[in-house]
Amino acid sequence: DGEDDPNAASVGPELLEVSPDGNEIIARVTPKSVKRITCAARLPNGNTLLGTEKGLAEYTPEGYAVKVWLKNAISSIHVR
C-alpha cells in the first residue's frame, strides 16, 4: 500500500466538496506544493480560494495557483 514505504511519493492535502447528502463529490482540488489547507471557499468561476501555510491563492480544479493575494500563512477566511 506504500503507507510505510519511505520511497513512496508524498501526496499533499486534497479538498473535497460533497453534496449536502454526502453521497456525491462535487469538486476535488489537490493544490500543488501545499502541505496544509486551513480554509477554502468555492468561487463562481469554478476555482477555489484556499488559505494555506503559503498564503491565500485562487486554485484551478487541476490544483494550480492562478492568482496569489497574500504570501503569509492564513488561518481563516470569511465569505459572504
PDB file of N, CA and C in Angstrom:
ATOM      1  N   ASP A   1       0.797  -1.205   0.000  1.00  0.00           N
ATOM      2  CA  ASP A   1       0.000   0.000   0.000  1.00  0.00           C
ATOM      3  C   ASP A   1       0.837   1.265   0.000  1.00  0.00           C
ATOM      4  N   GLY A   2       2.151   1.174   0.267  1.00  0.00           N
ATOM      5  CA  GLY A   2       3.036   2.330   0.217  1.00  0.00           C
ATOM      6  C   GLY A   2       2.976   3.210   1.440  1.00  0.00           C
ATOM      7  N   GLU A   3       2.093   2.918   2.383  1.00  0.00           N
ATOM      8  CA  GLU A   3       1.921   3.768   3.548  1.00  0.00           C
ATOM      9  C   GLU A   3       3.176   3.833   4.408  1.00  0.00           C
ATOM     10  N   ASP A   4       3.886   2.705   4.543  1.00  0.00           N
ATOM     11  CA  ASP A   4       5.098   2.657   5.352  1.00  0.00           C
ATOM     12  C   ASP A   4       6.352   2.674   4.505  1.00  0.00           C
ATOM     13  N   ASP A   5       6.221   2.884   3.205  1.00  0.00           N
ATOM     14  CA  ASP A   5       7.348   2.869   2.288  1.00  0.00           C
ATOM     15  C   ASP A   5       8.025   4.231   2.274  1.00  0.00           C
ATOM     16  N   PRO A   6       9.305   4.309   2.723  1.00  0.00           N
ATOM     17  CA  PRO A   6       9.996   5.608   2.737  1.00  0.00           C
ATOM     18  C   PRO A   6      10.258   6.157   1.348  1.00  0.00           C
ATOM     19  N   ASN A   7      10.181   5.315   0.305  1.00  0.00           N
ATOM     20  CA  ASN A   7      10.405   5.762  -1.070  1.00  0.00           C
ATOM     21  C   ASN A   7       9.113   6.146  -1.773  1.00  0.00           C
ATOM     22  N   ALA A   8       7.968   6.000  -1.094  1.00  0.00           N
ATOM     23  CA  ALA A   8       6.685   6.342  -1.699  1.00  0.00           C
ATOM     24  C   ALA A   8       6.595   7.855  -1.912  1.00  0.00           C
ATOM     25  N   ALA A   9       5.936   8.244  -3.004  1.00  0.00           N
ATOM     26  CA  ALA A   9       5.767   9.670  -3.307  1.00  0.00           C
ATOM     27  C   ALA A   9       4.869  10.320  -2.258  1.00  0.00           C
ATOM     28  N   SER A  10       5.245  11.515  -1.851  1.00  0.00           N
ATOM     29  CA  SER A  10       4.448  12.250  -0.874  1.00  0.00           C
ATOM     30  C   SER A  10       3.300  12.955  -1.584  1.00  0.00           C
ATOM     31  N   VAL A  11       2.109  12.795  -1.068  1.00  0.00           N
ATOM     32  CA  VAL A  11       0.932  13.431  -1.640  1.00  0.00           C
ATOM     33  C   VAL A  11       0.436  14.470  -0.650  1.00  0.00           C
ATOM     34  N   GLY A  12       0.158  15.670  -1.146  1.00  0.00           N
ATOM     35  CA  GLY A  12      -0.314  16.745  -0.280  1.00  0.00           C
ATOM     36  C   GLY A  12      -1.785  16.599   0.036  1.00  0.00           C
ATOM     37  N   PRO A  13      -2.337  17.606   0.677  1.00  0.00           N
ATOM     38  CA  PRO A  13      -3.748  17.554   1.067  1.00  0.00           C
ATOM     39  C   PRO A  13      -4.672  17.648  -0.147  1.00  0.00           C
ATOM     40  N   GLU A  14      -5.857  17.119   0.029  1.00  0.00           N
ATOM     41  CA  GLU A  14      -6.871  17.173  -1.015  1.00  0.00           C
ATOM     42  C   GLU A  14      -8.144  17.742  -0.405  1.00  0.00           C
ATOM     43  N   LEU A  15      -8.775  18.665  -1.098  1.00  0.00           N
ATOM     44  CA  LEU A  15     -10.011  19.276  -0.641  1.00  0.00           C
ATOM     45  C   LEU A  15     -11.163  18.700  -1.460  1.00  0.00           C
ATOM     46  N   LEU A  16     -12.183  18.183  -0.772  1.00  0.00           N
ATOM     47  CA  LEU A  16     -13.362  17.648  -1.445  1.00  0.00           C
ATOM     48  C   LEU A  16     -14.571  18.487  -1.084  1.00  0.00           C
ATOM     49  N   GLU A  17     -15.378  18.810  -2.085  1.00  0.00           N
ATOM     50  CA  GLU A  17     -16.690  19.405  -1.844  1.00  0.00           C
ATOM     51  C   GLU A  17     -17.702  18.316  -2.156  1.00  0.00           C
ATOM     52  N   VAL A  18     -18.538  18.004  -1.182  1.00  0.00           N
ATOM     53  CA  VAL A  18     -19.516  16.934  -1.360  1.00  0.00           C
ATOM     54  C   VAL A  18     -20.928  17.510  -1.365  1.00  0.00           C
ATOM     55  N   SER A  19     -21.851  16.750  -1.951  1.00  0.00           N
ATOM     56  CA  SER A  19     -23.254  17.152  -1.982  1.00  0.00           C
ATOM     57  C   SER A  19     -23.792  17.192  -0.552  1.00  0.00           C
ATOM     58  N   PRO A  20     -24.877  17.948  -0.325  1.00  0.00           N
ATOM     59  CA  PRO A  20     -25.442  18.051   1.026  1.00  0.00           C
ATOM     60  C   PRO A  20     -25.735  16.701   1.681  1.00  0.00           C
ATOM     61  N   ASP A  21     -26.112  15.697   0.873  1.00  0.00           N
ATOM     62  CA  ASP A  21     -26.389  14.379   1.457  1.00  0.00           C
ATOM     63  C   ASP A  21     -25.118  13.548   1.645  1.00  0.00           C
ATOM     64  N   GLY A  22     -23.989  14.053   1.163  1.00  0.00           N
ATOM     65  CA  GLY A  22     -22.711  13.367   1.335  1.00  0.00           C
ATOM     66  C   GLY A  22     -22.472  12.214   0.385  1.00  0.00           C
ATOM     67  N   ASN A  23     -23.343  12.031  -0.600  1.00  0.00           N
ATOM     68  CA  ASN A  23     -23.230  10.885  -1.493  1.00  0.00           C
ATOM     69  C   ASN A  23     -22.483  11.165  -2.796  1.00  0.00           C
ATOM     70  N   GLU A  24     -22.206  12.431  -3.100  1.00  0.00           N
ATOM     71  CA  GLU A  24     -21.586  12.756  -4.377  1.00  0.00           C
ATOM     72  C   GLU A  24     -20.465  13.760  -4.170  1.00  0.00           C
ATOM     73  N   ILE A  25     -19.327  13.540  -4.836  1.00  0.00           N
ATOM     74  CA  ILE A  25     -18.238  14.515  -4.826  1.00  0.00           C
ATOM     75  C   ILE A  25     -18.522  15.521  -5.925  1.00  0.00           C
ATOM     76  N   ILE A  26     -18.677  16.790  -5.541  1.00  0.00           N
ATOM     77  CA  ILE A  26     -18.982  17.853  -6.491  1.00  0.00           C
ATOM     78  C   ILE A  26     -17.698  18.431  -7.075  1.00  0.00           C
ATOM     79  N   ALA A  27     -16.690  18.600  -6.233  1.00  0.00           N
ATOM     80  CA  ALA A  27     -15.411  19.149  -6.682  1.00  0.00           C
ATOM     81  C   ALA A  27     -14.289  18.554  -5.854  1.00  0.00           C
ATOM     82  N   ARG A  28     -13.109  18.477  -6.475  1.00  0.00           N
ATOM     83  CA  ARG A  28     -11.919  17.948  -5.814  1.00  0.00           C
ATOM     84  C   ARG A  28     -10.742  18.823  -6.243  1.00  0.00           C
ATOM     85  N   VAL A  29      -9.987  19.328  -5.272  1.00  0.00           N
ATOM     86  CA  VAL A  29      -8.821  20.157  -5.569  1.00  0.00           C
ATOM     87  C   VAL A  29      -7.644  19.620  -4.762  1.00  0.00           C
ATOM     88  N   THR A  30      -6.527  19.360  -5.448  1.00  0.00           N
ATOM     89  CA  THR A  30      -5.290  18.961  -4.794  1.00  0.00           C
ATOM     90  C   THR A  30      -4.251  20.013  -5.159  1.00  0.00           C
ATOM     91  N   PRO A  31      -4.098  21.040  -4.310  1.00  0.00           N
ATOM     92  CA  PRO A  31      -3.181  22.122  -4.655  1.00  0.00           C
ATOM     93  C   PRO A  31      -1.730  21.651  -4.694  1.00  0.00           C
ATOM     94  N   LYS A  32      -1.025  22.080  -5.716  1.00  0.00           N
ATOM     95  CA  LYS A  32       0.381  21.711  -5.898  1.00  0.00           C
ATOM     96  C   LYS A  32       1.248  22.435  -4.862  1.00  0.00           C
ATOM     97  N   SER A  33       2.220  21.733  -4.325  1.00  0.00           N
ATOM     98  CA  SER A  33       3.233  22.288  -3.408  1.00  0.00           C
ATOM     99  C   SER A  33       2.648  22.880  -2.131  1.00  0.00           C
ATOM    100  N   VAL A  34       1.559  22.326  -1.643  1.00  0.00           N
ATOM    101  CA  VAL A  34       0.935  22.798  -0.404  1.00  0.00           C
ATOM    102  C   VAL A  34       0.938  21.654   0.603  1.00  0.00           C
ATOM    103  N   LYS A  35       1.259  21.969   1.850  1.00  0.00           N
ATOM    104  CA  LYS A  35       1.290  20.947   2.901  1.00  0.00           C
ATOM    105  C   LYS A  35       0.018  20.934   3.736  1.00  0.00           C
ATOM    106  N   ARG A  36      -0.650  22.103   3.845  1.00  0.00           N
ATOM    107  CA  ARG A  36      -1.815  22.174   4.721  1.00  0.00           C
ATOM    108  C   ARG A  36      -2.818  23.193   4.187  1.00  0.00           C
ATOM    109  N   ILE A  37      -4.088  22.788   4.096  1.00  0.00           N
ATOM    110  CA  ILE A  37      -5.179  23.684   3.738  1.00  0.00           C
ATOM    111  C   ILE A  37      -5.838  24.114   5.041  1.00  0.00           C
ATOM    112  N   THR A  38      -5.939  25.427   5.267  1.00  0.00           N
ATOM    113  CA  THR A  38      -6.534  25.921   6.508  1.00  0.00           C
ATOM    114  C   THR A  38      -7.960  26.417   6.316  1.00  0.00           C
ATOM    115  N   CYS A  39      -8.316  26.839   5.095  1.00  0.00           N
ATOM    116  CA  CYS A  39      -9.671  27.304   4.825  1.00  0.00           C
ATOM    117  C   CYS A  39      -9.883  27.328   3.315  1.00  0.00           C
ATOM    118  N   ALA A  40     -11.159  27.314   2.917  1.00  0.00           N
ATOM    119  CA  ALA A  40     -11.463  27.264   1.497  1.00  0.00           C
ATOM    120  C   ALA A  40     -12.826  27.861   1.209  1.00  0.00           C
ATOM    121  N   ALA A  41     -12.983  28.382  -0.017  1.00  0.00           N
ATOM    122  CA  ALA A  41     -14.274  28.888  -0.489  1.00  0.00           C
ATOM    123  C   ALA A  41     -14.327  28.680  -1.998  1.00  0.00           C
ATOM    124  N   ARG A  42     -15.431  28.097  -2.486  1.00  0.00           N
ATOM    125  CA  ARG A  42     -15.609  27.922  -3.923  1.00  0.00           C
ATOM    126  C   ARG A  42     -15.970  29.263  -4.546  1.00  0.00           C
ATOM    127  N   LEU A  43     -15.423  29.526  -5.711  1.00  0.00           N
ATOM    128  CA  LEU A  43     -15.676  30.765  -6.433  1.00  0.00           C
ATOM    129  C   LEU A  43     -16.645  30.499  -7.583  1.00  0.00           C
ATOM    130  N   PRO A  44     -17.386  31.527  -8.014  1.00  0.00           N
ATOM    131  CA  PRO A  44     -18.362  31.342  -9.105  1.00  0.00           C
ATOM    132  C   PRO A  44     -17.747  30.846 -10.406  1.00  0.00           C
ATOM    133  N   ASN A  45     -16.453  31.099 -10.627  1.00  0.00           N
ATOM    134  CA  ASN A  45     -15.813  30.670 -11.874  1.00  0.00           C
ATOM    135  C   ASN A  45     -15.368  29.210 -11.848  1.00  0.00           C
ATOM    136  N   GLY A  46     -15.639  28.474 -10.753  1.00  0.00           N
ATOM    137  CA  GLY A  46     -15.259  27.066 -10.654  1.00  0.00           C
ATOM    138  C   GLY A  46     -13.942  26.836  -9.956  1.00  0.00           C
ATOM    139  N   ASN A  47     -13.185  27.889  -9.741  1.00  0.00           N
ATOM    140  CA  ASN A  47     -11.932  27.775  -8.999  1.00  0.00           C
ATOM    141  C   ASN A  47     -12.216  27.806  -7.503  1.00  0.00           C
ATOM    142  N   THR A  48     -11.179  27.610  -6.704  1.00  0.00           N
ATOM    143  CA  THR A  48     -11.331  27.577  -5.254  1.00  0.00           C
ATOM    144  C   THR A  48     -10.324  28.515  -4.616  1.00  0.00           C
ATOM    145  N   LEU A  49     -10.796  29.327  -3.684  1.00  0.00           N
ATOM    146  CA  LEU A  49      -9.935  30.205  -2.906  1.00  0.00           C
ATOM    147  C   LEU A  49      -9.456  29.400  -1.705  1.00  0.00           C
ATOM    148  N   LEU A  50      -8.141  29.246  -1.576  1.00  0.00           N
ATOM    149  CA  LEU A  50      -7.584  28.440  -0.497  1.00  0.00           C
ATOM    150  C   LEU A  50      -6.641  29.254   0.374  1.00  0.00           C
ATOM    151  N   GLY A  51      -6.795  29.099   1.677  1.00  0.00           N
ATOM    152  CA  GLY A  51      -5.818  29.591   2.629  1.00  0.00           C
ATOM    153  C   GLY A  51      -4.930  28.421   2.989  1.00  0.00           C
ATOM    154  N   THR A  52      -3.619  28.626   2.937  1.00  0.00           N
ATOM    155  CA  THR A  52      -2.662  27.566   3.229  1.00  0.00           C
ATOM    156  C   THR A  52      -1.518  28.133   4.060  1.00  0.00           C
ATOM    157  N   GLU A  53      -0.542  27.284   4.338  1.00  0.00           N
ATOM    158  CA  GLU A  53       0.643  27.752   5.056  1.00  0.00           C
ATOM    159  C   GLU A  53       1.456  28.717   4.200  1.00  0.00           C
ATOM    160  N   LYS A  54       1.164  28.779   2.901  1.00  0.00           N
ATOM    161  CA  LYS A  54       1.888  29.668   1.987  1.00  0.00           C
ATOM    162  C   LYS A  54       1.189  31.000   1.776  1.00  0.00           C
ATOM    163  N   GLY A  55      -0.110  31.070   2.071  1.00  0.00           N
ATOM    164  CA  GLY A  55      -0.847  32.311   1.862  1.00  0.00           C
ATOM    165  C   GLY A  55      -2.245  32.060   1.345  1.00  0.00           C
ATOM    166  N   LEU A  56      -2.796  33.053   0.649  1.00  0.00           N
ATOM    167  CA  LEU A  56      -4.145  32.999   0.107  1.00  0.00           C
ATOM    168  C   LEU A  56      -4.053  33.052  -1.407  1.00  0.00           C
ATOM    169  N   ALA A  57      -4.613  32.033  -2.076  1.00  0.00           N
ATOM    170  CA  ALA A  57      -4.497  31.979  -3.530  1.00  0.00           C
ATOM    171  C   ALA A  57      -5.733  31.325  -4.129  1.00  0.00           C
ATOM    172  N   GLU A  58      -5.973  31.632  -5.399  1.00  0.00           N
ATOM    173  CA  GLU A  58      -7.049  31.017  -6.177  1.00  0.00           C
ATOM    174  C   GLU A  58      -6.453  29.843  -6.943  1.00  0.00           C
ATOM    175  N   TYR A  59      -7.061  28.669  -6.790  1.00  0.00           N
ATOM    176  CA  TYR A  59      -6.571  27.449  -7.437  1.00  0.00           C
ATOM    177  C   TYR A  59      -7.580  26.927  -8.442  1.00  0.00           C
ATOM    178  N   THR A  60      -7.060  26.417  -9.562  1.00  0.00           N
ATOM    179  CA  THR A  60      -7.905  25.771 -10.564  1.00  0.00           C
ATOM    180  C   THR A  60      -8.293  24.382 -10.060  1.00  0.00           C
ATOM    181  N   PRO A  61      -9.294  23.740 -10.695  1.00  0.00           N
ATOM    182  CA  PRO A  61      -9.637  22.371 -10.303  1.00  0.00           C
ATOM    183  C   PRO A  61      -8.458  21.398 -10.452  1.00  0.00           C
ATOM    184  N   GLU A  62      -7.503  21.740 -11.309  1.00  0.00           N
ATOM    185  CA  GLU A  62      -6.324  20.893 -11.507  1.00  0.00           C
ATOM    186  C   GLU A  62      -5.252  21.109 -10.436  1.00  0.00           C
ATOM    187  N   GLY A  63      -5.463  22.108  -9.551  1.00  0.00           N
ATOM    188  CA  GLY A  63      -4.535  22.323  -8.447  1.00  0.00           C
ATOM    189  C   GLY A  63      -3.476  23.384  -8.660  1.00  0.00           C
ATOM    190  N   TYR A  64      -3.606  24.190  -9.702  1.00  0.00           N
ATOM    191  CA  TYR A  64      -2.613  25.233  -9.974  1.00  0.00           C
ATOM    192  C   TYR A  64      -3.085  26.586  -9.461  1.00  0.00           C
ATOM    193  N   ALA A  65      -2.185  27.322  -8.824  1.00  0.00           N
ATOM    194  CA  ALA A  65      -2.494  28.670  -8.350  1.00  0.00           C
ATOM    195  C   ALA A  65      -2.496  29.608  -9.553  1.00  0.00           C
ATOM    196  N   VAL A  66      -3.606  30.337  -9.752  1.00  0.00           N
ATOM    197  CA  VAL A  66      -3.697  31.271 -10.869  1.00  0.00           C
ATOM    198  C   VAL A  66      -3.587  32.718 -10.403  1.00  0.00           C
ATOM    199  N   LYS A  67      -3.813  32.958  -9.126  1.00  0.00           N
ATOM    200  CA  LYS A  67      -3.667  34.302  -8.571  1.00  0.00           C
ATOM    201  C   LYS A  67      -3.369  34.163  -7.089  1.00  0.00           C
ATOM    202  N   VAL A  68      -2.380  34.918  -6.629  1.00  0.00           N
ATOM    203  CA  VAL A  68      -1.992  34.900  -5.218  1.00  0.00           C
ATOM    204  C   VAL A  68      -2.283  36.279  -4.637  1.00  0.00           C
ATOM    205  N   TRP A  69      -3.018  36.317  -3.522  1.00  0.00           N
ATOM    206  CA  TRP A  69      -3.345  37.590  -2.889  1.00  0.00           C
ATOM    207  C   TRP A  69      -2.439  37.904  -1.707  1.00  0.00           C
ATOM    208  N   LEU A  70      -2.166  36.928  -0.892  1.00  0.00           N
ATOM    209  CA  LEU A  70      -1.315  37.139   0.279  1.00  0.00           C
ATOM    210  C   LEU A  70      -0.263  36.050   0.346  1.00  0.00           C
ATOM    211  N   LYS A  71       0.933  36.410   0.797  1.00  0.00           N
ATOM    212  CA  LYS A  71       2.001  35.422   0.928  1.00  0.00           C
ATOM    213  C   LYS A  71       2.357  35.201   2.390  1.00  0.00           C
ATOM    214  N   ASN A  72       1.343  35.206   3.246  1.00  0.00           N
ATOM    215  CA  ASN A  72       1.504  34.903   4.667  1.00  0.00           C
ATOM    216  C   ASN A  72       0.572  33.755   5.001  1.00  0.00           C
ATOM    217  N   ALA A  73       0.917  32.986   6.028  1.00  0.00           N
ATOM    218  CA  ALA A  73       0.056  31.875   6.439  1.00  0.00           C
ATOM    219  C   ALA A  73      -1.338  32.394   6.769  1.00  0.00           C
ATOM    220  N   ILE A  74      -2.369  31.670   6.327  1.00  0.00           N
ATOM    221  CA  ILE A  74      -3.767  32.053   6.520  1.00  0.00           C
ATOM    222  C   ILE A  74      -4.424  31.024   7.435  1.00  0.00           C
ATOM    223  N   SER A  75      -5.121  31.513   8.465  1.00  0.00           N
ATOM    224  CA  SER A  75      -5.787  30.568   9.371  1.00  0.00           C
ATOM    225  C   SER A  75      -7.295  30.519   9.129  1.00  0.00           C
ATOM    226  N   SER A  76      -7.901  31.606   8.598  1.00  0.00           N
ATOM    227  CA  SER A  76      -9.337  31.567   8.322  1.00  0.00           C
ATOM    228  C   SER A  76      -9.709  32.673   7.347  1.00  0.00           C
ATOM    229  N   ILE A  77     -10.837  32.460   6.652  1.00  0.00           N
ATOM    230  CA  ILE A  77     -11.414  33.493   5.791  1.00  0.00           C
ATOM    231  C   ILE A  77     -12.921  33.485   6.028  1.00  0.00           C
ATOM    232  N   HIS A  78     -13.546  34.616   5.827  1.00  0.00           N
ATOM    233  CA  HIS A  78     -14.992  34.728   5.952  1.00  0.00           C
ATOM    234  C   HIS A  78     -15.533  35.153   4.601  1.00  0.00           C
ATOM    235  N   VAL A  79     -16.497  34.396   4.084  1.00  0.00           N
ATOM    236  CA  VAL A  79     -17.053  34.652   2.766  1.00  0.00           C
ATOM    237  C   VAL A  79     -18.547  34.889   2.904  1.00  0.00           C
ATOM    238  N   ARG A  80     -19.052  35.909   2.230  1.00  0.00           N
ATOM    239  CA  ARG A  80     -20.491  36.194   2.249  1.00  0.00           C
ATOM    240  C   ARG A  80     -21.144  35.685   1.012  1.00  0.00           C
TER     241      ARG A  80
END
